[in-house]
Amino acid sequence: MQTVTLPYGSDQTGLVCGYLFDKDTQGQAIESKQAEEWLAARGQHPDQFIWLHFNLANTASEKWLKKHAELGDEFYETLHEGQRSTRIELVDNMLIAVVNDVLHDFSFDPADISTLFLNVDRQVVISARLKPLKAVDRLRNAVKSGEPIRSSVELLTHLLRDQADVLSKIVRDAIQRVDGIEDNLLAGKQNQKRANLGELRRVLVRLQRLLAPEPAALFRLLQRPPNWVAEIDSQELRHATEEFSMVLHEIATLQERIKLLQEEIAARVNEGNNRSLFVLTIVTVLALPINIIAGLLGMNVGGIPLGQDPQGFWIIAGIVATFTAVAGWLAFRKRDDD
């Protein structure tokens, strides 16, 4: 079969890429017309399976799927549910998966997360997305490079592992950012903003919430897989889930570390504010005797004490200095007691 290079966006039917897999050959790229012919005669090729990846931003995608692919209503309902947490469910002897992934230009922005929808049976894998995603692109490159894919479930497992790899890289990048902030904190450089840590923590929480597979649905699937799923594929799916769980545990650990850093930075900021407030209090206390005495002696009335005494200024200055010294001593003594 002739290899066909498709544009990265999609063709007129919304197909981004399509591959036909056979036991004896590597995945071969096909066009939408070839996919239509194969789907119409799928019963004649029991040893083959096909993967079709669609761009939902192209309105022709859903029309083509309804016309040529035998998909249940549950899949189309899932398409219109919007973004949800990652899950894999068994519906009408087919696997329906919702996989959240990050965009190619992910920059720790919650908006850089999008959803991939999959319908998997023994011979057909349908995947659809609105925006280009990293994990799908890794899977596509692996197929193009000739990596053998044994079955449709192995293709799904490969995608989950690619997603776990992408997530691991995000966690490593986040750890580097946190390491830099922590190094500055230990060096006494308070130039980082708590808002940066808060934003990073919110992204990690969102990633964990969206990417964590729903335990109940996944447990039921692994306990009672479809009859067309081989035992080796069930084991591989279980291992991929365990790898995913390890990455999610790393995210939870990093979130706790960020929380501790936020608390440390907040404590140092509060300590600095307290020092500034203490200095301001001292200045106010020291200026209080001067202001009171100056206000009293500046009154334009008769009977001002020492008004005619040639040493009056120095006497008043001595009184002000004495009161100021006492006030300062009391203020510093209170700080030492605290």
C-alpha atoms as a PDB file:
ATOM      1  CA  MET A   1       0.000   0.000   0.000  1.00  0.00           C
ATOM      2  CA  GLN A   2       1.310   3.432  -0.934  1.00  0.00           C
ATOM      3  CA  THR A   3       2.306   5.699   1.938  1.00  0.00           C
ATOM      4  CA  VAL A   4       0.376   8.967   1.943  1.00  0.00           C
ATOM      5  CA  THR A   5       1.532  12.117   3.677  1.00  0.00           C
ATOM      6  CA  LEU A   6      -1.341  14.097   5.161  1.00  0.00           C
ATOM      7  CA  PRO A   7      -1.216  17.729   6.270  1.00  0.00           C
ATOM      8  CA  TYR A   8      -0.868  18.279   9.993  1.00  0.00           C
ATOM      9  CA  GLY A   9      -4.213  20.064  10.285  1.00  0.00           C
ATOM     10  CA  SER A  10      -6.754  17.831   8.540  1.00  0.00           C
ATOM     11  CA  ASP A  11      -8.150  17.002   5.118  1.00  0.00           C
ATOM     12  CA  GLN A  12     -11.625  17.892   3.884  1.00  0.00           C
ATOM     13  CA  THR A  13     -13.186  15.149   6.025  1.00  0.00           C
ATOM     14  CA  GLY A  14     -11.435  16.318   9.213  1.00  0.00           C
ATOM     15  CA  LEU A  15      -8.950  13.416   9.195  1.00  0.00           C
ATOM     16  CA  VAL A  16      -5.580  14.428  10.619  1.00  0.00           C
ATOM     17  CA  CYS A  17      -3.936  11.060  10.062  1.00  0.00           C
ATOM     18  CA  GLY A  18      -4.908   7.451   9.493  1.00  0.00           C
ATOM     19  CA  TYR A  19      -2.919   4.223   9.818  1.00  0.00           C
ATOM     20  CA  LEU A  20      -3.665   0.624   8.925  1.00  0.00           C
ATOM     21  CA  PHE A  21      -1.986  -2.054  11.035  1.00  0.00           C
ATOM     22  CA  ASP A  22      -1.386  -5.664  10.096  1.00  0.00           C
ATOM     23  CA  LYS A  23       0.293  -8.482  11.966  1.00  0.00           C
ATOM     24  CA  ASP A  24       3.054  -8.786   9.399  1.00  0.00           C
ATOM     25  CA  THR A  25       3.622  -5.108   8.519  1.00  0.00           C
ATOM     26  CA  GLN A  26       4.168  -1.799  10.205  1.00  0.00           C
ATOM     27  CA  GLY A  27       1.490   0.880  10.334  1.00  0.00           C
ATOM     28  CA  GLN A  28       0.762   2.264   6.883  1.00  0.00           C
ATOM     29  CA  ALA A  29      -0.633   5.769   6.351  1.00  0.00           C
ATOM     30  CA  ILE A  30      -3.996   5.919   4.596  1.00  0.00           C
ATOM     31  CA  GLU A  31      -6.337   8.635   3.360  1.00  0.00           C
ATOM     32  CA  SER A  32     -10.001   9.089   4.253  1.00  0.00           C
ATOM     33  CA  LYS A  33     -11.141   7.394   1.032  1.00  0.00           C
ATOM     34  CA  GLN A  34      -9.088   4.298   1.832  1.00  0.00           C
ATOM     35  CA  ALA A  35     -10.438   4.394   5.393  1.00  0.00           C
ATOM     36  CA  GLU A  36     -14.015   4.417   4.036  1.00  0.00           C
ATOM     37  CA  GLU A  37     -13.338   1.359   1.891  1.00  0.00           C
ATOM     38  CA  TRP A  38     -11.671  -0.529   4.742  1.00  0.00           C
ATOM     39  CA  LEU A  39     -14.474   0.264   7.198  1.00  0.00           C
ATOM     40  CA  ALA A  40     -17.079  -0.918   4.692  1.00  0.00           C
ATOM     41  CA  ALA A  41     -15.268  -4.278   4.405  1.00  0.00           C
ATOM     42  CA  ARG A  42     -13.819  -4.560   7.903  1.00  0.00           C
ATOM     43  CA  GLY A  43     -15.236  -8.042   8.389  1.00  0.00           C
ATOM     44  CA  GLN A  44     -13.028  -9.318   5.574  1.00  0.00           C
ATOM     45  CA  HIS A  45      -9.837  -8.292   7.433  1.00  0.00           C
ATOM     46  CA  PRO A  46     -10.029  -9.904  10.896  1.00  0.00           C
ATOM     47  CA  ASP A  47      -6.251  -9.670  11.413  1.00  0.00           C
ATOM     48  CA  GLN A  48      -6.062  -5.924  10.753  1.00  0.00           C
ATOM     49  CA  PHE A  49      -7.017  -2.835  12.722  1.00  0.00           C
ATOM     50  CA  ILE A  50      -7.125   0.841  11.860  1.00  0.00           C
ATOM     51  CA  TRP A  51      -6.402   4.091  13.685  1.00  0.00           C
ATOM     52  CA  LEU A  52      -8.106   7.291  12.524  1.00  0.00           C
ATOM     53  CA  HIS A  53      -7.322  10.602  14.199  1.00  0.00           C
ATOM     54  CA  PHE A  54      -9.708  13.534  13.612  1.00  0.00           C
ATOM     55  CA  ASN A  55      -9.700  17.280  14.171  1.00  0.00           C
ATOM     56  CA  LEU A  56     -12.985  18.281  15.838  1.00  0.00           C
ATOM     57  CA  ALA A  57     -12.409  21.894  14.852  1.00  0.00           C
ATOM     58  CA  ASN A  58     -13.316  20.716  11.348  1.00  0.00           C
ATOM     59  CA  THR A  59     -17.110  20.397  11.324  1.00  0.00           C
ATOM     60  CA  ALA A  60     -16.900  17.625   8.714  1.00  0.00           C
ATOM     61  CA  SER A  61     -15.307  15.239  11.222  1.00  0.00           C
ATOM     62  CA  GLU A  62     -18.438  14.280  13.135  1.00  0.00           C
ATOM     63  CA  LYS A  63     -20.468  13.975   9.926  1.00  0.00           C
ATOM     64  CA  TRP A  64     -17.890  11.592   8.448  1.00  0.00           C
ATOM     65  CA  LEU A  65     -17.792   9.495  11.609  1.00  0.00           C
ATOM     66  CA  LYS A  66     -21.571   9.160  11.772  1.00  0.00           C
ATOM     67  CA  LYS A  67     -21.679   8.114   8.135  1.00  0.00           C
ATOM     68  CA  HIS A  68     -18.788   5.650   7.985  1.00  0.00           C
ATOM     69  CA  ALA A  69     -17.844   4.555  11.529  1.00  0.00           C
ATOM     70  CA  GLU A  70     -20.078   2.315  13.597  1.00  0.00           C
ATOM     71  CA  LEU A  71     -19.850   4.227  16.859  1.00  0.00           C
ATOM     72  CA  GLY A  72     -22.380   4.243  19.676  1.00  0.00           C
ATOM     73  CA  ASP A  73     -24.342   7.245  20.874  1.00  0.00           C
ATOM     74  CA  GLU A  74     -22.259   7.282  24.056  1.00  0.00           C
ATOM     75  CA  PHE A  75     -19.183   8.383  22.104  1.00  0.00           C
ATOM     76  CA  TYR A  76     -20.962  11.350  20.519  1.00  0.00           C
ATOM     77  CA  GLU A  77     -22.460  12.329  23.878  1.00  0.00           C
ATOM     78  CA  THR A  78     -18.952  12.269  25.323  1.00  0.00           C
ATOM     79  CA  LEU A  79     -17.729  14.578  22.547  1.00  0.00           C
ATOM     80  CA  HIS A  80     -20.217  17.237  23.591  1.00  0.00           C
ATOM     81  CA  GLU A  81     -19.677  16.919  27.336  1.00  0.00           C
ATOM     82  CA  GLY A  82     -16.600  19.109  27.192  1.00  0.00           C
ATOM     83  CA  GLN A  83     -13.474  18.692  29.274  1.00  0.00           C
ATOM     84  CA  ARG A  84     -13.645  16.091  32.035  1.00  0.00           C
ATOM     85  CA  SER A  85     -11.229  14.022  34.061  1.00  0.00           C
ATOM     86  CA  THR A  86      -9.367  11.194  32.366  1.00  0.00           C
ATOM     87  CA  ARG A  87     -11.348   7.969  32.262  1.00  0.00           C
ATOM     88  CA  ILE A  88     -11.664   4.687  30.339  1.00  0.00           C
ATOM     89  CA  GLU A  89     -15.059   2.984  30.319  1.00  0.00           C
ATOM     90  CA  LEU A  90     -16.535  -0.125  28.716  1.00  0.00           C
ATOM     91  CA  VAL A  91     -19.717   0.656  26.758  1.00  0.00           C
ATOM     92  CA  ASP A  92     -21.372  -1.843  24.390  1.00  0.00           C
ATOM     93  CA  ASN A  93     -18.211  -3.973  24.276  1.00  0.00           C
ATOM     94  CA  MET A  94     -16.159  -0.938  23.195  1.00  0.00           C
ATOM     95  CA  LEU A  95     -13.724   1.191  25.172  1.00  0.00           C
ATOM     96  CA  ILE A  96     -14.538   4.888  25.390  1.00  0.00           C
ATOM     97  CA  ALA A  97     -11.691   6.976  26.745  1.00  0.00           C
ATOM     98  CA  VAL A  98     -11.410  10.641  27.690  1.00  0.00           C
ATOM     99  CA  VAL A  99      -7.768  11.665  27.923  1.00  0.00           C
ATOM    100  CA  ASN A 100      -6.715  15.176  28.928  1.00  0.00           C
ATOM    101  CA  ASP A 101      -3.373  16.286  27.555  1.00  0.00           C
ATOM    102  CA  VAL A 102      -1.288  19.453  27.159  1.00  0.00           C
ATOM    103  CA  LEU A 103      -0.754  21.496  24.020  1.00  0.00           C
ATOM    104  CA  HIS A 104       2.534  21.620  22.114  1.00  0.00           C
ATOM    105  CA  ASP A 105       3.423  25.084  23.425  1.00  0.00           C
ATOM    106  CA  PHE A 106       2.506  24.341  27.046  1.00  0.00           C
ATOM    107  CA  SER A 107       3.688  27.185  29.290  1.00  0.00           C
ATOM    108  CA  PHE A 108       2.210  26.279  32.688  1.00  0.00           C
ATOM    109  CA  ASP A 109      -1.054  27.946  31.764  1.00  0.00           C
ATOM    110  CA  PRO A 110      -4.276  26.093  32.694  1.00  0.00           C
ATOM    111  CA  ALA A 111      -5.677  27.058  29.283  1.00  0.00           C
ATOM    112  CA  ASP A 112      -2.979  24.915  27.640  1.00  0.00           C
ATOM    113  CA  ILE A 113      -4.837  21.718  28.570  1.00  0.00           C
ATOM    114  CA  SER A 114      -7.240  20.107  26.122  1.00  0.00           C
ATOM    115  CA  THR A 115      -9.124  16.832  25.716  1.00  0.00           C
ATOM    116  CA  LEU A 116      -8.721  13.818  23.457  1.00  0.00           C
ATOM    117  CA  PHE A 117     -11.684  11.485  22.902  1.00  0.00           C
ATOM    118  CA  LEU A 118     -11.207   7.858  21.875  1.00  0.00           C
ATOM    119  CA  ASN A 119     -13.412   4.955  20.834  1.00  0.00           C
ATOM    120  CA  VAL A 120     -11.571   1.615  20.774  1.00  0.00           C
ATOM    121  CA  ASP A 121     -12.755  -1.802  19.685  1.00  0.00           C
ATOM    122  CA  ARG A 122     -10.868  -4.813  18.363  1.00  0.00           C
ATOM    123  CA  GLN A 123     -10.411  -3.428  14.833  1.00  0.00           C
ATOM    124  CA  VAL A 124     -11.009   0.321  14.978  1.00  0.00           C
ATOM    125  CA  VAL A 125      -9.449   3.103  17.033  1.00  0.00           C
ATOM    126  CA  ILE A 126     -11.056   6.516  16.590  1.00  0.00           C
ATOM    127  CA  SER A 127      -9.439   9.529  18.265  1.00  0.00           C
ATOM    128  CA  ALA A 128     -10.590  13.137  18.050  1.00  0.00           C
ATOM    129  CA  ARG A 129      -9.377  16.436  19.488  1.00  0.00           C
ATOM    130  CA  LEU A 130      -9.887  20.177  19.093  1.00  0.00           C
ATOM    131  CA  LYS A 131      -6.248  21.256  19.449  1.00  0.00           C
ATOM    132  CA  PRO A 132      -2.905  19.542  18.662  1.00  0.00           C
ATOM    133  CA  LEU A 133      -1.732  17.598  21.717  1.00  0.00           C
ATOM    134  CA  LYS A 134       1.732  16.418  22.714  1.00  0.00           C
ATOM    135  CA  ALA A 135       0.983  12.798  23.610  1.00  0.00           C
ATOM    136  CA  VAL A 136      -0.903  12.139  20.362  1.00  0.00           C
ATOM    137  CA  ASP A 137       1.919  13.636  18.359  1.00  0.00           C
ATOM    138  CA  ARG A 138       4.420  11.372  20.131  1.00  0.00           C
ATOM    139  CA  LEU A 139       2.265   8.354  19.295  1.00  0.00           C
ATOM    140  CA  ARG A 140       1.955   9.462  15.689  1.00  0.00           C
ATOM    141  CA  ASN A 141       5.724   9.888  15.363  1.00  0.00           C
ATOM    142  CA  ALA A 142       6.274   6.440  16.876  1.00  0.00           C
ATOM    143  CA  VAL A 143       3.953   4.866  14.308  1.00  0.00           C
ATOM    144  CA  LYS A 144       5.565   6.814  11.460  1.00  0.00           C
ATOM    145  CA  SER A 145       9.013   5.662  12.576  1.00  0.00           C
ATOM    146  CA  GLY A 146       7.929   2.040  12.214  1.00  0.00           C
ATOM    147  CA  GLU A 147       7.359   1.044  15.837  1.00  0.00           C
ATOM    148  CA  PRO A 148       5.250  -2.140  15.816  1.00  0.00           C
ATOM    149  CA  ILE A 149       1.796  -1.952  17.393  1.00  0.00           C
ATOM    150  CA  ARG A 150       0.285  -5.342  18.162  1.00  0.00           C
ATOM    151  CA  SER A 151      -3.365  -4.427  18.769  1.00  0.00           C
ATOM    152  CA  SER A 152      -5.821  -1.594  19.223  1.00  0.00           C
ATOM    153  CA  VAL A 153      -5.499  -1.828  23.020  1.00  0.00           C
ATOM    154  CA  GLU A 154      -1.711  -1.614  22.751  1.00  0.00           C
ATOM    155  CA  LEU A 155      -2.200   1.601  20.770  1.00  0.00           C
ATOM    156  CA  LEU A 156      -4.290   2.990  23.643  1.00  0.00           C
ATOM    157  CA  THR A 157      -1.687   1.834  26.165  1.00  0.00           C
ATOM    158  CA  HIS A 158       1.083   3.489  24.118  1.00  0.00           C
ATOM    159  CA  LEU A 159      -0.898   6.741  24.190  1.00  0.00           C
ATOM    160  CA  LEU A 160      -1.290   6.588  27.990  1.00  0.00           C
ATOM    161  CA  ARG A 161       2.437   6.009  28.409  1.00  0.00           C
ATOM    162  CA  ASP A 162       3.241   8.877  26.065  1.00  0.00           C
ATOM    163  CA  GLN A 163       0.942  11.055  28.133  1.00  0.00           C
ATOM    164  CA  ALA A 164       2.725   9.956  31.309  1.00  0.00           C
ATOM    165  CA  ASP A 165       6.087  10.837  29.697  1.00  0.00           C
ATOM    166  CA  VAL A 166       4.831  14.305  28.734  1.00  0.00           C
ATOM    167  CA  LEU A 167       3.513  14.816  32.238  1.00  0.00           C
ATOM    168  CA  SER A 168       6.827  13.675  33.721  1.00  0.00           C
ATOM    169  CA  LYS A 169       8.645  16.333  31.691  1.00  0.00           C
ATOM    170  CA  ILE A 170       6.219  18.971  32.950  1.00  0.00           C
ATOM    171  CA  VAL A 171       6.883  17.847  36.522  1.00  0.00           C
ATOM    172  CA  ARG A 172      10.665  18.037  35.938  1.00  0.00           C
ATOM    173  CA  ASP A 173      10.314  21.572  34.553  1.00  0.00           C
ATOM    174  CA  ALA A 174       8.172  22.543  37.529  1.00  0.00           C
ATOM    175  CA  ILE A 175      10.741  21.057  39.933  1.00  0.00           C
ATOM    176  CA  GLN A 176      13.478  23.162  38.294  1.00  0.00           C
ATOM    177  CA  ARG A 177      11.400  26.300  38.806  1.00  0.00           C
ATOM    178  CA  VAL A 178      10.743  25.420  42.423  1.00  0.00           C
ATOM    179  CA  ASP A 179      14.437  24.604  42.965  1.00  0.00           C
ATOM    180  CA  GLY A 180      15.396  28.056  41.683  1.00  0.00           C
ATOM    181  CA  ILE A 181      12.919  29.779  43.999  1.00  0.00           C
ATOM    182  CA  GLU A 182      14.087  27.675  46.931  1.00  0.00           C
ATOM    183  CA  ASP A 183      17.762  28.475  46.232  1.00  0.00           C
ATOM    184  CA  ASN A 184      16.981  32.202  46.153  1.00  0.00           C
ATOM    185  CA  LEU A 185      15.051  31.861  49.377  1.00  0.00           C
ATOM    186  CA  LEU A 186      17.924  30.100  51.135  1.00  0.00           C
ATOM    187  CA  ALA A 187      20.325  32.738  49.820  1.00  0.00           C
ATOM    188  CA  GLY A 188      18.150  35.461  51.339  1.00  0.00           C
ATOM    189  CA  LYS A 189      17.015  36.848  47.993  1.00  0.00           C
ATOM    190  CA  GLN A 190      13.384  37.822  48.362  1.00  0.00           C
ATOM    191  CA  ASN A 191      12.901  38.815  44.718  1.00  0.00           C
ATOM    192  CA  GLN A 192      10.455  36.025  43.874  1.00  0.00           C
ATOM    193  CA  LYS A 193       6.733  36.563  44.093  1.00  0.00           C
ATOM    194  CA  ARG A 194       4.383  34.298  45.967  1.00  0.00           C
ATOM    195  CA  ALA A 195       1.957  34.735  43.077  1.00  0.00           C
ATOM    196  CA  ASN A 196       4.326  32.758  40.819  1.00  0.00           C
ATOM    197  CA  LEU A 197       4.272  29.815  43.216  1.00  0.00           C
ATOM    198  CA  GLY A 198       0.521  30.095  43.611  1.00  0.00           C
ATOM    199  CA  GLU A 199      -0.017  30.033  39.850  1.00  0.00           C
ATOM    200  CA  LEU A 200       2.274  27.008  39.467  1.00  0.00           C
ATOM    201  CA  ARG A 201       0.466  25.208  42.255  1.00  0.00           C
ATOM    202  CA  ARG A 202      -2.926  25.892  40.665  1.00  0.00           C
ATOM    203  CA  VAL A 203      -1.718  24.458  37.347  1.00  0.00           C
ATOM    204  CA  LEU A 204      -0.452  21.303  39.063  1.00  0.00           C
ATOM    205  CA  VAL A 205      -3.739  20.893  40.931  1.00  0.00           C
ATOM    206  CA  ARG A 206      -5.636  21.238  37.654  1.00  0.00           C
ATOM    207  CA  LEU A 207      -3.342  18.747  35.933  1.00  0.00           C
ATOM    208  CA  GLN A 208      -3.797  16.253  38.741  1.00  0.00           C
ATOM    209  CA  ARG A 209      -7.565  16.646  38.755  1.00  0.00           C
ATOM    210  CA  LEU A 210      -7.949  16.327  34.980  1.00  0.00           C
ATOM    211  CA  LEU A 211      -5.302  13.701  34.265  1.00  0.00           C
ATOM    212  CA  ALA A 212      -5.948  11.337  37.167  1.00  0.00           C
ATOM    213  CA  PRO A 213      -7.942   8.364  35.841  1.00  0.00           C
ATOM    214  CA  GLU A 214     -11.242   7.740  37.568  1.00  0.00           C
ATOM    215  CA  PRO A 215     -10.399   4.790  39.872  1.00  0.00           C
ATOM    216  CA  ALA A 216     -13.808   3.089  39.904  1.00  0.00           C
ATOM    217  CA  ALA A 217     -14.233   2.923  36.120  1.00  0.00           C
ATOM    218  CA  LEU A 218     -10.647   1.829  35.574  1.00  0.00           C
ATOM    219  CA  PHE A 219     -10.878  -0.824  38.295  1.00  0.00           C
ATOM    220  CA  ARG A 220     -13.988  -2.309  36.699  1.00  0.00           C
ATOM    221  CA  LEU A 221     -12.327  -2.328  33.297  1.00  0.00           C
ATOM    222  CA  LEU A 222      -9.165  -4.059  34.509  1.00  0.00           C
ATOM    223  CA  GLN A 223     -11.190  -6.630  36.438  1.00  0.00           C
ATOM    224  CA  ARG A 224     -13.552  -7.412  33.571  1.00  0.00           C
ATOM    225  CA  PRO A 225     -12.008  -6.382  30.244  1.00  0.00           C
ATOM    226  CA  PRO A 226     -13.842  -6.976  26.948  1.00  0.00           C
ATOM    227  CA  ASN A 227     -13.596 -10.512  25.582  1.00  0.00           C
ATOM    228  CA  TRP A 228     -11.612  -9.284  22.565  1.00  0.00           C
ATOM    229  CA  VAL A 229      -8.819  -7.862  24.770  1.00  0.00           C
ATOM    230  CA  ALA A 230      -5.875 -10.244  25.084  1.00  0.00           C
ATOM    231  CA  GLU A 231      -4.386 -10.981  28.499  1.00  0.00           C
ATOM    232  CA  ILE A 232      -1.075  -9.378  27.551  1.00  0.00           C
ATOM    233  CA  ASP A 233      -2.906  -6.186  26.568  1.00  0.00           C
ATOM    234  CA  SER A 234      -4.725  -6.127  29.917  1.00  0.00           C
ATOM    235  CA  GLN A 235      -1.409  -6.465  31.723  1.00  0.00           C
ATOM    236  CA  GLU A 236       0.159  -3.673  29.667  1.00  0.00           C
ATOM    237  CA  LEU A 237      -2.821  -1.408  30.374  1.00  0.00           C
ATOM    238  CA  ARG A 238      -2.484  -2.136  34.094  1.00  0.00           C
ATOM    239  CA  HIS A 239       1.258  -1.317  33.999  1.00  0.00           C
ATOM    240  CA  ALA A 240       0.598   1.922  32.105  1.00  0.00           C
ATOM    241  CA  THR A 241      -1.937   2.888  34.758  1.00  0.00           C
ATOM    242  CA  GLU A 242       0.601   2.206  37.509  1.00  0.00           C
ATOM    243  CA  GLU A 243       3.201   4.386  35.748  1.00  0.00           C
ATOM    244  CA  PHE A 244       0.603   7.124  35.466  1.00  0.00           C
ATOM    245  CA  SER A 245      -0.163   6.838  39.172  1.00  0.00           C
ATOM    246  CA  MET A 246       3.525   7.323  40.026  1.00  0.00           C
ATOM    247  CA  VAL A 247       3.629  10.554  38.040  1.00  0.00           C
ATOM    248  CA  LEU A 248       0.477  11.777  39.782  1.00  0.00           C
ATOM    249  CA  HIS A 249       2.124  10.986  43.134  1.00  0.00           C
ATOM    250  CA  GLU A 250       5.097  13.154  42.101  1.00  0.00           C
ATOM    251  CA  ILE A 251       2.678  15.992  41.323  1.00  0.00           C
ATOM    252  CA  ALA A 252       1.078  15.662  44.754  1.00  0.00           C
ATOM    253  CA  THR A 253       4.516  15.708  46.409  1.00  0.00           C
ATOM    254  CA  LEU A 254       5.530  18.805  44.444  1.00  0.00           C
ATOM    255  CA  GLN A 255       2.296  20.542  45.446  1.00  0.00           C
ATOM    256  CA  GLU A 256       3.108  19.939  49.113  1.00  0.00           C
ATOM    257  CA  ARG A 257       6.624  21.277  48.588  1.00  0.00           C
ATOM    258  CA  ILE A 258       5.248  24.427  46.946  1.00  0.00           C
ATOM    259  CA  LYS A 259       2.837  24.852  49.857  1.00  0.00           C
ATOM    260  CA  LEU A 260       5.713  24.721  52.346  1.00  0.00           C
ATOM    261  CA  LEU A 261       7.682  27.282  50.302  1.00  0.00           C
ATOM    262  CA  GLN A 262       4.661  29.574  50.210  1.00  0.00           C
ATOM    263  CA  GLU A 263       4.349  29.328  53.981  1.00  0.00           C
ATOM    264  CA  GLU A 264       8.074  30.067  54.429  1.00  0.00           C
ATOM    265  CA  ILE A 265       7.918  33.090  52.124  1.00  0.00           C
ATOM    266  CA  ALA A 266       4.769  34.317  53.864  1.00  0.00           C
ATOM    267  CA  ALA A 267       6.483  33.975  57.247  1.00  0.00           C
ATOM    268  CA  ARG A 268       9.498  35.977  56.040  1.00  0.00           C
ATOM    269  CA  VAL A 269       7.279  38.658  54.529  1.00  0.00           C
ATOM    270  CA  ASN A 270       5.326  38.909  57.775  1.00  0.00           C
ATOM    271  CA  GLU A 271       8.578  39.146  59.714  1.00  0.00           C
ATOM    272  CA  GLY A 272       9.743  41.988  57.484  1.00  0.00           C
ATOM    273  CA  ASN A 273       6.403  43.755  57.862  1.00  0.00           C
ATOM    274  CA  ASN A 274       6.625  43.394  61.629  1.00  0.00           C
ATOM    275  CA  ARG A 275      10.118  44.933  61.623  1.00  0.00           C
ATOM    276  CA  SER A 276       8.888  47.844  59.507  1.00  0.00           C
ATOM    277  CA  LEU A 277       5.906  48.345  61.784  1.00  0.00           C
ATOM    278  CA  PHE A 278       8.166  48.296  64.851  1.00  0.00           C
ATOM    279  CA  VAL A 279      10.455  50.950  63.360  1.00  0.00           C
ATOM    280  CA  LEU A 280       7.449  53.092  62.530  1.00  0.00           C
ATOM    281  CA  THR A 281       6.148  52.658  66.082  1.00  0.00           C
ATOM    282  CA  ILE A 282       9.516  53.650  67.573  1.00  0.00           C
ATOM    283  CA  VAL A 283       9.677  56.793  65.447  1.00  0.00           C
ATOM    284  CA  THR A 284       6.145  57.719  66.489  1.00  0.00           C
ATOM    285  CA  VAL A 285       6.858  57.099  70.177  1.00  0.00           C
ATOM    286  CA  LEU A 286      10.108  59.074  70.101  1.00  0.00           C
ATOM    287  CA  ALA A 287       8.447  62.005  68.374  1.00  0.00           C
ATOM    288  CA  LEU A 288       5.491  62.031  70.745  1.00  0.00           C
ATOM    289  CA  PRO A 289       7.120  64.007  73.662  1.00  0.00           C
ATOM    290  CA  ILE A 290       8.539  66.566  71.257  1.00  0.00           C
ATOM    291  CA  ASN A 291       5.151  67.109  69.602  1.00  0.00           C
ATOM    292  CA  ILE A 292       3.299  67.372  72.900  1.00  0.00           C
ATOM    293  CA  ILE A 293       5.717  69.834  74.515  1.00  0.00           C
ATOM    294  CA  ALA A 294       6.109  71.857  71.308  1.00  0.00           C
ATOM    295  CA  GLY A 295       2.350  72.083  71.043  1.00  0.00           C
ATOM    296  CA  LEU A 296       1.961  73.256  74.634  1.00  0.00           C
ATOM    297  CA  LEU A 297       4.754  75.822  74.508  1.00  0.00           C
ATOM    298  CA  GLY A 298       3.599  77.103  71.149  1.00  0.00           C
ATOM    299  CA  MET A 299       0.207  78.182  72.423  1.00  0.00           C
ATOM    300  CA  ASN A 300      -0.272  81.952  72.056  1.00  0.00           C
ATOM    301  CA  VAL A 301      -1.450  82.542  75.643  1.00  0.00           C
ATOM    302  CA  GLY A 302       0.055  84.054  78.710  1.00  0.00           C
ATOM    303  CA  GLY A 303       1.799  82.179  81.491  1.00  0.00           C
ATOM    304  CA  ILE A 304       4.084  80.056  79.293  1.00  0.00           C
ATOM    305  CA  PRO A 305       6.642  78.468  81.707  1.00  0.00           C
ATOM    306  CA  LEU A 306      10.237  79.635  81.393  1.00  0.00           C
ATOM    307  CA  GLY A 307       9.162  82.166  78.791  1.00  0.00           C
ATOM    308  CA  GLN A 308      11.413  84.846  80.320  1.00  0.00           C
ATOM    309  CA  ASP A 309      14.172  82.545  81.604  1.00  0.00           C
ATOM    310  CA  PRO A 310      17.436  82.839  79.587  1.00  0.00           C
ATOM    311  CA  GLN A 311      18.047  79.086  80.196  1.00  0.00           C
ATOM    312  CA  GLY A 312      14.486  78.113  79.330  1.00  0.00           C
ATOM    313  CA  PHE A 313      15.338  76.568  75.953  1.00  0.00           C
ATOM    314  CA  TRP A 314      17.929  74.211  77.442  1.00  0.00           C
ATOM    315  CA  ILE A 315      15.659  73.224  80.281  1.00  0.00           C
ATOM    316  CA  ILE A 316      12.851  72.352  77.873  1.00  0.00           C
ATOM    317  CA  ALA A 317      15.336  70.501  75.597  1.00  0.00           C
ATOM    318  CA  GLY A 318      16.501  68.458  78.596  1.00  0.00           C
ATOM    319  CA  ILE A 319      12.938  67.574  79.533  1.00  0.00           C
ATOM    320  CA  VAL A 320      12.173  66.507  75.937  1.00  0.00           C
ATOM    321  CA  ALA A 321      15.360  64.410  75.780  1.00  0.00           C
ATOM    322  CA  THR A 322      14.505  62.740  79.089  1.00  0.00           C
ATOM    323  CA  PHE A 323      10.968  61.862  78.015  1.00  0.00           C
ATOM    324  CA  THR A 324      12.231  60.630  74.639  1.00  0.00           C
ATOM    325  CA  ALA A 325      14.859  58.411  76.274  1.00  0.00           C
ATOM    326  CA  VAL A 326      12.282  56.927  78.657  1.00  0.00           C
ATOM    327  CA  ALA A 327       9.805  56.314  75.834  1.00  0.00           C
ATOM    328  CA  GLY A 328      12.506  54.642  73.730  1.00  0.00           C
ATOM    329  CA  TRP A 329      13.592  52.454  76.629  1.00  0.00           C
ATOM    330  CA  LEU A 330      10.021  51.334  77.269  1.00  0.00           C
ATOM    331  CA  ALA A 331       9.448  50.536  73.573  1.00  0.00           C
ATOM    332  CA  PHE A 332      12.622  48.456  73.211  1.00  0.00           C
ATOM    333  CA  ARG A 333      11.914  46.696  76.503  1.00  0.00           C
ATOM    334  CA  LYS A 334       8.471  45.684  75.235  1.00  0.00           C
ATOM    335  CA  ARG A 335      10.007  44.297  72.025  1.00  0.00           C
ATOM    336  CA  ASP A 336      12.527  42.255  74.011  1.00  0.00           C
ATOM    337  CA  ASP A 337       9.718  40.896  76.199  1.00  0.00           C
ATOM    338  CA  ASP A 338       7.777  39.852  73.050  1.00  0.00           C
END
